[in-house]
Amino acid sequence: MFRPKKNDILIENIDKYFNLIDSSLLVFKDGVRNYLYSSTEGFNDNLQNMSQRETEATMLRREIENALYTQTALVRSRGDIMRLLEKLGHIVNILSDSLLQFEIENPFVPTELNNDFVKLTEFATLAVESALPAAKAYFREPEVIADKISRVYFYKKETKKYAQAIKRKVFHEMMNLKLSEKFHLRYFALHIENLSDAAEEAADQLSVMAIKRTF
């Protein structure tokens, strides 16, 4: 299906795209931590780095999609690959938008919730991190996709449980907070949780693609 000499550049760019998403996850995690612990300079650097990565990811994705139309060997899988790229691109958008919303809305996060939000971010990004090796495997070892995406579903469930625990803690235990502050915290917990939902969608797409490769 994939002839190395003809598709080297395309596959290399796809790998770069996946690696760009991976590095964006690191920036996002660092950004959330810097916001929570009031490292303004570090957080501003994270915002700038994320914006650059989002722009680079958009340009690279367009280059990949254009190249897909010239690769006759990929005609049967072209649509699936483009849908996968679209879903992974949505993840980059979530990362960038969520970090930007921290800067714009400046939510008040009680210090006793800092560790909870750090852990929630860790679970959500792990869901995405687990999807990337599965995406790479599609082009080289499609037979291992099923094993790799099982981690995505595991971290998706863990993220949901942890997000619910934060919301329950905010609404049931933190009586000193205003209702508006509670709603704000719930909103940002949901923003982070959305990452794992997007990872699950990518994993679902990969499952379909893996099944098609067997026929």
C-alpha atoms as a PDB file:
ATOM      1  CA  MET A   1       0.000   0.000   0.000  1.00  0.00           C
ATOM      2  CA  PHE A   2       2.736   2.424   0.934  1.00  0.00           C
ATOM      3  CA  ARG A   3       5.715   2.378  -1.456  1.00  0.00           C
ATOM      4  CA  PRO A   4       8.662   3.830   0.507  1.00  0.00           C
ATOM      5  CA  LYS A   5      10.449   5.628  -2.346  1.00  0.00           C
ATOM      6  CA  LYS A   6       7.333   7.370  -3.586  1.00  0.00           C
ATOM      7  CA  ASN A   7       5.810   8.202  -0.238  1.00  0.00           C
ATOM      8  CA  ASP A   8       8.853   8.982   1.904  1.00  0.00           C
ATOM      9  CA  ILE A   9       8.229  12.729   2.007  1.00  0.00           C
ATOM     10  CA  LEU A  10       4.525  12.325   2.695  1.00  0.00           C
ATOM     11  CA  ILE A  11       5.049   9.844   5.527  1.00  0.00           C
ATOM     12  CA  GLU A  12       7.830  12.024   6.930  1.00  0.00           C
ATOM     13  CA  ASN A  13       5.472  15.009   7.001  1.00  0.00           C
ATOM     14  CA  ILE A  14       2.755  12.952   8.648  1.00  0.00           C
ATOM     15  CA  ASP A  15       5.251  11.928  11.328  1.00  0.00           C
ATOM     16  CA  LYS A  16       6.175  15.595  11.783  1.00  0.00           C
ATOM     17  CA  TYR A  17       2.491  16.401  12.198  1.00  0.00           C
ATOM     18  CA  PHE A  18       2.062  13.772  14.882  1.00  0.00           C
ATOM     19  CA  ASN A  19       5.238  14.933  16.645  1.00  0.00           C
ATOM     20  CA  LEU A  20       3.978  18.516  16.513  1.00  0.00           C
ATOM     21  CA  ILE A  21       0.808  17.449  18.310  1.00  0.00           C
ATOM     22  CA  ASP A  22       2.909  15.631  20.891  1.00  0.00           C
ATOM     23  CA  SER A  23       5.026  18.721  21.576  1.00  0.00           C
ATOM     24  CA  SER A  24       1.853  20.831  21.786  1.00  0.00           C
ATOM     25  CA  LEU A  25       0.644  18.556  24.580  1.00  0.00           C
ATOM     26  CA  LEU A  26       3.816  19.315  26.525  1.00  0.00           C
ATOM     27  CA  VAL A  27       3.306  23.051  26.046  1.00  0.00           C
ATOM     28  CA  PHE A  28      -0.306  22.745  27.174  1.00  0.00           C
ATOM     29  CA  LYS A  29       0.559  20.814  30.331  1.00  0.00           C
ATOM     30  CA  ASP A  30       3.268  23.313  31.183  1.00  0.00           C
ATOM     31  CA  GLY A  31       0.896  26.174  30.464  1.00  0.00           C
ATOM     32  CA  VAL A  32      -1.808  24.884  32.793  1.00  0.00           C
ATOM     33  CA  ARG A  33       0.741  24.354  35.537  1.00  0.00           C
ATOM     34  CA  ASN A  34       2.240  27.815  35.052  1.00  0.00           C
ATOM     35  CA  TYR A  35      -1.207  29.398  35.200  1.00  0.00           C
ATOM     36  CA  LEU A  36      -2.173  27.528  38.367  1.00  0.00           C
ATOM     37  CA  TYR A  37       1.063  28.421  40.125  1.00  0.00           C
ATOM     38  CA  SER A  38       1.068  32.047  38.924  1.00  0.00           C
ATOM     39  CA  SER A  39       4.160  31.852  36.727  1.00  0.00           C
ATOM     40  CA  THR A  40       3.075  34.683  34.437  1.00  0.00           C
ATOM     41  CA  GLU A  41       6.233  34.835  32.324  1.00  0.00           C
ATOM     42  CA  GLY A  42       6.235  31.086  31.774  1.00  0.00           C
ATOM     43  CA  PHE A  43       2.521  31.084  30.921  1.00  0.00           C
ATOM     44  CA  ASN A  44       2.967  33.862  28.372  1.00  0.00           C
ATOM     45  CA  ASP A  45       5.772  31.880  26.758  1.00  0.00           C
ATOM     46  CA  ASN A  46       3.449  28.878  26.621  1.00  0.00           C
ATOM     47  CA  LEU A  47       0.776  30.941  24.888  1.00  0.00           C
ATOM     48  CA  GLN A  48       3.235  32.138  22.278  1.00  0.00           C
ATOM     49  CA  ASN A  49       4.657  28.664  21.698  1.00  0.00           C
ATOM     50  CA  MET A  50       1.175  27.174  21.386  1.00  0.00           C
ATOM     51  CA  SER A  51       0.126  29.785  18.841  1.00  0.00           C
ATOM     52  CA  GLN A  52       3.209  29.027  16.753  1.00  0.00           C
ATOM     53  CA  ARG A  53       2.550  25.291  16.904  1.00  0.00           C
ATOM     54  CA  GLU A  54      -1.090  25.710  15.926  1.00  0.00           C
ATOM     55  CA  THR A  55      -0.079  27.761  12.871  1.00  0.00           C
ATOM     56  CA  GLU A  56       2.625  25.270  11.922  1.00  0.00           C
ATOM     57  CA  ALA A  57       0.228  22.341  12.364  1.00  0.00           C
ATOM     58  CA  THR A  58      -2.383  23.986  10.120  1.00  0.00           C
ATOM     59  CA  MET A  59       0.147  24.653   7.370  1.00  0.00           C
ATOM     60  CA  LEU A  60       1.629  21.157   7.587  1.00  0.00           C
ATOM     61  CA  ARG A  61      -1.794  19.532   7.520  1.00  0.00           C
ATOM     62  CA  ARG A  62      -2.684  21.434   4.341  1.00  0.00           C
ATOM     63  CA  GLU A  63       0.593  20.340   2.762  1.00  0.00           C
ATOM     64  CA  ILE A  64      -0.130  16.723   3.675  1.00  0.00           C
ATOM     65  CA  GLU A  65      -3.687  16.884   2.343  1.00  0.00           C
ATOM     66  CA  ASN A  66      -2.480  18.372  -0.945  1.00  0.00           C
ATOM     67  CA  ALA A  67       0.123  15.614  -1.258  1.00  0.00           C
ATOM     68  CA  LEU A  68      -2.506  12.943  -0.626  1.00  0.00           C
ATOM     69  CA  TYR A  69      -4.265  13.916  -3.853  1.00  0.00           C
ATOM     70  CA  THR A  70      -1.120  13.216  -5.876  1.00  0.00           C
ATOM     71  CA  GLN A  71      -0.463   9.770  -4.369  1.00  0.00           C
ATOM     72  CA  THR A  72      -2.414   7.292  -6.473  1.00  0.00           C
ATOM     73  CA  ALA A  73      -1.337   4.476  -4.152  1.00  0.00           C
ATOM     74  CA  LEU A  74      -3.408   6.064  -1.395  1.00  0.00           C
ATOM     75  CA  VAL A  75      -6.669   6.544  -3.290  1.00  0.00           C
ATOM     76  CA  ARG A  76      -8.585   3.948  -1.263  1.00  0.00           C
ATOM     77  CA  SER A  77      -7.424   5.258   2.100  1.00  0.00           C
ATOM     78  CA  ARG A  78      -7.237   8.972   1.257  1.00  0.00           C
ATOM     79  CA  GLY A  79     -10.601   9.850   2.782  1.00  0.00           C
ATOM     80  CA  ASP A  80      -9.894   7.985   6.014  1.00  0.00           C
ATOM     81  CA  ILE A  81      -6.469   9.573   6.401  1.00  0.00           C
ATOM     82  CA  MET A  82      -7.913  13.043   5.870  1.00  0.00           C
ATOM     83  CA  ARG A  83     -10.630  12.383   8.454  1.00  0.00           C
ATOM     84  CA  LEU A  84      -7.959  11.259  10.904  1.00  0.00           C
ATOM     85  CA  LEU A  85      -5.909  14.394  10.244  1.00  0.00           C
ATOM     86  CA  GLU A  86      -9.034  16.496  10.766  1.00  0.00           C
ATOM     87  CA  LYS A  87      -9.742  14.895  14.137  1.00  0.00           C
ATOM     88  CA  LEU A  88      -6.142  15.296  15.257  1.00  0.00           C
ATOM     89  CA  GLY A  89      -6.202  18.888  14.052  1.00  0.00           C
ATOM     90  CA  HIS A  90      -9.232  19.455  16.258  1.00  0.00           C
ATOM     91  CA  ILE A  91      -7.099  18.368  19.212  1.00  0.00           C
ATOM     92  CA  VAL A  92      -4.531  21.068  18.425  1.00  0.00           C
ATOM     93  CA  ASN A  93      -7.348  23.611  18.284  1.00  0.00           C
ATOM     94  CA  ILE A  94      -8.636  22.504  21.694  1.00  0.00           C
ATOM     95  CA  LEU A  95      -5.164  22.806  23.184  1.00  0.00           C
ATOM     96  CA  SER A  96      -4.678  26.300  21.810  1.00  0.00           C
ATOM     97  CA  ASP A  97      -8.205  27.549  22.576  1.00  0.00           C
ATOM     98  CA  SER A  98      -8.206  26.172  26.115  1.00  0.00           C
ATOM     99  CA  LEU A  99      -4.889  27.782  26.987  1.00  0.00           C
ATOM    100  CA  LEU A 100      -6.037  31.057  25.471  1.00  0.00           C
ATOM    101  CA  GLN A 101      -9.247  30.991  27.530  1.00  0.00           C
ATOM    102  CA  PHE A 102      -7.184  30.815  30.708  1.00  0.00           C
ATOM    103  CA  GLU A 103      -5.515  34.066  29.647  1.00  0.00           C
ATOM    104  CA  ILE A 104      -8.727  35.782  28.527  1.00  0.00           C
ATOM    105  CA  GLU A 105     -11.077  34.766  31.359  1.00  0.00           C
ATOM    106  CA  ASN A 106      -8.482  34.544  34.123  1.00  0.00           C
ATOM    107  CA  PRO A 107     -10.456  32.042  36.236  1.00  0.00           C
ATOM    108  CA  PHE A 108      -9.966  31.991  39.986  1.00  0.00           C
ATOM    109  CA  VAL A 109      -8.676  28.547  40.965  1.00  0.00           C
ATOM    110  CA  PRO A 110      -8.337  27.947  44.719  1.00  0.00           C
ATOM    111  CA  THR A 111      -4.885  26.635  45.582  1.00  0.00           C
ATOM    112  CA  GLU A 112      -6.379  23.465  47.041  1.00  0.00           C
ATOM    113  CA  LEU A 113      -7.563  22.594  43.521  1.00  0.00           C
ATOM    114  CA  ASN A 114      -4.202  23.123  41.826  1.00  0.00           C
ATOM    115  CA  ASN A 115      -3.114  19.519  42.140  1.00  0.00           C
ATOM    116  CA  ASP A 116      -6.533  18.306  40.998  1.00  0.00           C
ATOM    117  CA  PHE A 117      -6.352  20.336  37.807  1.00  0.00           C
ATOM    118  CA  VAL A 118      -2.781  19.221  37.172  1.00  0.00           C
ATOM    119  CA  LYS A 119      -3.851  15.571  37.455  1.00  0.00           C
ATOM    120  CA  LEU A 120      -6.899  16.134  35.255  1.00  0.00           C
ATOM    121  CA  THR A 121      -4.642  17.686  32.624  1.00  0.00           C
ATOM    122  CA  GLU A 122      -2.271  14.739  32.890  1.00  0.00           C
ATOM    123  CA  PHE A 123      -5.047  12.170  32.310  1.00  0.00           C
ATOM    124  CA  ALA A 124      -6.533  14.120  29.393  1.00  0.00           C
ATOM    125  CA  THR A 125      -3.187  14.565  27.637  1.00  0.00           C
ATOM    126  CA  LEU A 126      -2.322  10.904  28.219  1.00  0.00           C
ATOM    127  CA  ALA A 127      -5.421   9.990  26.218  1.00  0.00           C
ATOM    128  CA  VAL A 128      -4.086  12.002  23.281  1.00  0.00           C
ATOM    129  CA  GLU A 129      -0.526  10.758  23.762  1.00  0.00           C
ATOM    130  CA  SER A 130      -1.837   7.198  23.528  1.00  0.00           C
ATOM    131  CA  ALA A 131      -3.601   7.917  20.248  1.00  0.00           C
ATOM    132  CA  LEU A 132      -0.463   9.151  18.499  1.00  0.00           C
ATOM    133  CA  PRO A 133       1.480   5.832  18.445  1.00  0.00           C
ATOM    134  CA  ALA A 134      -1.665   4.156  17.116  1.00  0.00           C
ATOM    135  CA  ALA A 135      -1.901   6.773  14.353  1.00  0.00           C
ATOM    136  CA  LYS A 136       1.748   6.231  13.435  1.00  0.00           C
ATOM    137  CA  ALA A 137       1.223   2.467  13.452  1.00  0.00           C
ATOM    138  CA  TYR A 138      -1.408   2.748  10.723  1.00  0.00           C
ATOM    139  CA  PHE A 139       1.303   3.549   8.203  1.00  0.00           C
ATOM    140  CA  ARG A 140       3.795   0.902   9.335  1.00  0.00           C
ATOM    141  CA  GLU A 141       2.267  -1.710  11.655  1.00  0.00           C
ATOM    142  CA  PRO A 142      -1.527  -1.617  11.285  1.00  0.00           C
ATOM    143  CA  GLU A 143      -1.858  -4.935  13.078  1.00  0.00           C
ATOM    144  CA  VAL A 144      -0.909  -3.323  16.424  1.00  0.00           C
ATOM    145  CA  ILE A 145      -3.436  -0.471  16.263  1.00  0.00           C
ATOM    146  CA  ALA A 146      -6.069  -2.252  18.359  1.00  0.00           C
ATOM    147  CA  ASP A 147      -3.637  -2.862  21.215  1.00  0.00           C
ATOM    148  CA  LYS A 148      -2.411   0.724  21.189  1.00  0.00           C
ATOM    149  CA  ILE A 149      -5.794   2.458  21.152  1.00  0.00           C
ATOM    150  CA  SER A 150      -7.002   0.497  24.189  1.00  0.00           C
ATOM    151  CA  ARG A 151      -4.973   2.958  26.262  1.00  0.00           C
ATOM    152  CA  VAL A 152      -6.911   5.864  24.774  1.00  0.00           C
ATOM    153  CA  TYR A 153     -10.213   4.469  26.053  1.00  0.00           C
ATOM    154  CA  PHE A 154      -8.703   3.763  29.464  1.00  0.00           C
ATOM    155  CA  TYR A 155      -7.431   7.329  29.912  1.00  0.00           C
ATOM    156  CA  LYS A 156     -10.672   8.732  28.511  1.00  0.00           C
ATOM    157  CA  LYS A 157     -12.577   6.981  31.323  1.00  0.00           C
ATOM    158  CA  GLU A 158     -10.056   8.106  33.933  1.00  0.00           C
ATOM    159  CA  THR A 159     -10.286  11.693  32.712  1.00  0.00           C
ATOM    160  CA  LYS A 160     -14.070  11.648  32.954  1.00  0.00           C
ATOM    161  CA  LYS A 161     -13.967  10.235  36.479  1.00  0.00           C
ATOM    162  CA  TYR A 162     -11.431  12.820  37.622  1.00  0.00           C
ATOM    163  CA  ALA A 163     -13.337  15.696  36.017  1.00  0.00           C
ATOM    164  CA  GLN A 164     -16.501  14.567  37.780  1.00  0.00           C
ATOM    165  CA  ALA A 165     -14.621  14.375  41.081  1.00  0.00           C
ATOM    166  CA  ILE A 166     -13.427  17.967  40.658  1.00  0.00           C
ATOM    167  CA  LYS A 167     -16.924  19.207  39.832  1.00  0.00           C
ATOM    168  CA  ARG A 168     -18.405  17.334  42.778  1.00  0.00           C
ATOM    169  CA  LYS A 169     -15.750  18.761  45.090  1.00  0.00           C
ATOM    170  CA  VAL A 170     -16.384  22.289  43.824  1.00  0.00           C
ATOM    171  CA  PHE A 171     -20.179  22.142  44.182  1.00  0.00           C
ATOM    172  CA  HIS A 172     -20.479  19.952  47.279  1.00  0.00           C
ATOM    173  CA  GLU A 173     -17.520  20.890  49.434  1.00  0.00           C
ATOM    174  CA  MET A 174     -16.285  24.391  48.569  1.00  0.00           C
ATOM    175  CA  MET A 175     -19.097  26.412  50.117  1.00  0.00           C
ATOM    176  CA  ASN A 176     -16.957  29.543  50.308  1.00  0.00           C
ATOM    177  CA  LEU A 177     -17.003  29.932  46.522  1.00  0.00           C
ATOM    178  CA  LYS A 178     -19.575  32.011  44.689  1.00  0.00           C
ATOM    179  CA  LEU A 179     -21.888  30.126  42.360  1.00  0.00           C
ATOM    180  CA  SER A 180     -20.385  32.021  39.405  1.00  0.00           C
ATOM    181  CA  GLU A 181     -16.903  30.852  40.462  1.00  0.00           C
ATOM    182  CA  LYS A 182     -18.123  27.273  40.676  1.00  0.00           C
ATOM    183  CA  PHE A 183     -19.587  27.489  37.191  1.00  0.00           C
ATOM    184  CA  HIS A 184     -16.285  28.914  35.939  1.00  0.00           C
ATOM    185  CA  LEU A 185     -14.291  26.057  37.443  1.00  0.00           C
ATOM    186  CA  ARG A 186     -16.689  23.506  35.974  1.00  0.00           C
ATOM    187  CA  TYR A 187     -16.304  25.165  32.584  1.00  0.00           C
ATOM    188  CA  PHE A 188     -12.505  24.911  32.643  1.00  0.00           C
ATOM    189  CA  ALA A 189     -12.590  21.335  33.888  1.00  0.00           C
ATOM    190  CA  LEU A 190     -14.849  20.563  30.918  1.00  0.00           C
ATOM    191  CA  HIS A 191     -12.419  22.309  28.537  1.00  0.00           C
ATOM    192  CA  ILE A 192      -9.628  20.006  29.659  1.00  0.00           C
ATOM    193  CA  GLU A 193     -11.886  16.944  29.648  1.00  0.00           C
ATOM    194  CA  ASN A 194     -12.774  17.682  26.004  1.00  0.00           C
ATOM    195  CA  LEU A 195      -9.224  16.671  25.067  1.00  0.00           C
ATOM    196  CA  SER A 196      -9.902  13.073  26.006  1.00  0.00           C
ATOM    197  CA  ASP A 197     -13.191  13.153  24.068  1.00  0.00           C
ATOM    198  CA  ALA A 198     -11.297  14.296  20.981  1.00  0.00           C
ATOM    199  CA  ALA A 199      -8.710  11.556  21.531  1.00  0.00           C
ATOM    200  CA  GLU A 200     -11.515   8.999  21.708  1.00  0.00           C
ATOM    201  CA  GLU A 201     -12.910  10.239  18.383  1.00  0.00           C
ATOM    202  CA  ALA A 202      -9.476   9.821  16.797  1.00  0.00           C
ATOM    203  CA  ALA A 203      -9.226   6.325  18.275  1.00  0.00           C
ATOM    204  CA  ASP A 204     -12.650   5.427  16.854  1.00  0.00           C
ATOM    205  CA  GLN A 205     -11.516   6.605  13.427  1.00  0.00           C
ATOM    206  CA  LEU A 206      -8.336   4.537  13.716  1.00  0.00           C
ATOM    207  CA  SER A 207     -10.387   1.472  14.644  1.00  0.00           C
ATOM    208  CA  VAL A 208     -12.388   1.835  11.440  1.00  0.00           C
ATOM    209  CA  MET A 209      -9.223   2.345   9.408  1.00  0.00           C
ATOM    210  CA  ALA A 210      -7.591  -0.724  10.948  1.00  0.00           C
ATOM    211  CA  ILE A 211     -10.583  -2.887  10.064  1.00  0.00           C
ATOM    212  CA  LYS A 212     -10.514  -1.657   6.467  1.00  0.00           C
ATOM    213  CA  ARG A 213      -6.819  -2.529   6.206  1.00  0.00           C
ATOM    214  CA  THR A 214      -7.679  -6.176   6.929  1.00  0.00           C
ATOM    215  CA  PHE A 215      -9.820  -6.476   3.802  1.00  0.00           C
END
